[in-house]
Amino acid sequence: MTSISISKLKENPSKAIALAEDYPVEIVKRNKTEAYIVSKKLHENIVRFLEDYIDTKAVKEADFSDAIPFEDVVKELGL
């Protein structure tokens, strides 16, 4: 992982953003990690993965034993 100091980040934020295109960039202050910069694309991919994971887990844990058949719902709604 690429690391950059806060002072270097302040000097050239565009460079730090460019470095974060494919992988997070660690922001360091006095040899201690303070933050990470991730690209828009990577952030969106992480969010999409987490949403899919949560949805899949919810479906696996759902109790469909008292579910109403689809055909009954269609009739009830008059569709």
Protein backbone atom coordinates (compact mmCIF):
# COMPACT_ATOMS: atom_id res chain seq x y z
CA MET A 1 0.00 0.00 0.00
CA THR A 2 1.17 3.49 -0.79
CA SER A 3 1.69 5.89 2.10
CA ILE A 4 1.90 9.67 2.05
CA SER A 5 2.45 12.14 4.87
CA ILE A 6 -0.12 14.77 5.71
CA SER A 7 2.38 17.49 4.77
CA LYS A 8 2.86 15.92 1.31
CA LEU A 9 -0.92 15.61 0.99
CA LYS A 10 -1.27 19.34 1.71
CA GLU A 11 1.43 20.17 -0.85
CA ASN A 12 -0.13 18.16 -3.67
CA PRO A 13 -3.59 16.70 -3.02
CA SER A 14 -4.07 15.88 -6.71
CA LYS A 15 -1.08 13.52 -6.62
CA ALA A 16 -2.53 11.67 -3.60
CA ILE A 17 -5.87 11.32 -5.37
CA ALA A 18 -4.13 9.99 -8.49
CA LEU A 19 -2.19 7.46 -6.39
CA ALA A 20 -5.50 6.19 -4.98
CA GLU A 21 -6.87 5.19 -8.38
CA ASP A 22 -6.66 1.42 -7.81
CA TYR A 23 -5.68 0.97 -4.16
CA PRO A 24 -6.14 2.98 -0.96
CA VAL A 25 -3.47 5.48 -0.02
CA GLU A 26 -2.51 5.62 3.64
CA ILE A 27 -2.25 9.11 5.13
CA VAL A 28 0.40 9.19 7.85
CA LYS A 29 1.12 11.75 10.56
CA ARG A 30 4.19 11.18 12.76
CA ASN A 31 4.42 7.53 11.65
CA LYS A 32 0.81 6.89 12.66
CA THR A 33 -1.99 6.14 10.21
CA GLU A 34 -4.53 8.95 10.29
CA ALA A 35 -6.75 8.16 7.29
CA TYR A 36 -7.05 6.52 3.90
CA ILE A 37 -7.89 7.98 0.51
CA VAL A 38 -9.81 5.78 -1.93
CA SER A 39 -10.87 6.56 -5.47
CA LYS A 40 -14.50 7.11 -6.40
CA LYS A 41 -14.50 3.85 -8.35
CA LEU A 42 -13.08 1.83 -5.45
CA HIS A 43 -15.49 3.40 -2.97
CA GLU A 44 -18.46 2.58 -5.21
CA ASN A 45 -17.24 -1.01 -5.60
CA ILE A 46 -16.86 -1.43 -1.84
CA VAL A 47 -20.35 -0.02 -1.21
CA ARG A 48 -21.86 -2.26 -3.92
CA PHE A 49 -20.14 -5.32 -2.44
CA LEU A 50 -21.39 -4.52 1.08
CA GLU A 51 -24.95 -3.91 -0.14
CA ASP A 52 -24.94 -7.22 -2.05
CA TYR A 53 -23.51 -9.03 0.99
CA ILE A 54 -26.18 -7.59 3.30
CA ASP A 55 -28.98 -8.41 0.83
CA THR A 56 -27.74 -11.98 0.32
CA LYS A 57 -27.46 -12.51 4.08
CA ALA A 58 -31.00 -11.17 4.62
CA VAL A 59 -32.45 -13.52 2.01
CA LYS A 60 -30.62 -16.52 3.50
CA GLU A 61 -31.89 -15.67 6.98
CA ALA A 62 -35.47 -14.85 5.93
CA ASP A 63 -38.27 -17.15 7.05
CA PHE A 64 -40.51 -17.83 4.07
CA SER A 65 -42.58 -20.49 5.82
CA ASP A 66 -45.62 -18.22 6.13
CA ALA A 67 -45.23 -16.57 2.72
CA ILE A 68 -48.27 -15.83 0.57
CA PRO A 69 -48.11 -17.45 -2.90
CA PHE A 70 -47.41 -14.97 -5.69
CA GLU A 71 -50.60 -15.88 -7.52
CA ASP A 72 -52.67 -14.97 -4.44
CA VAL A 73 -50.97 -11.59 -4.18
CA VAL A 74 -51.66 -10.90 -7.86
CA LYS A 75 -55.33 -11.75 -7.42
CA GLU A 76 -55.62 -9.67 -4.26
CA LEU A 77 -54.11 -6.66 -6.03
CA GLY A 78 -56.27 -7.19 -9.09
CA LEU A 79 -53.34 -7.44 -11.46
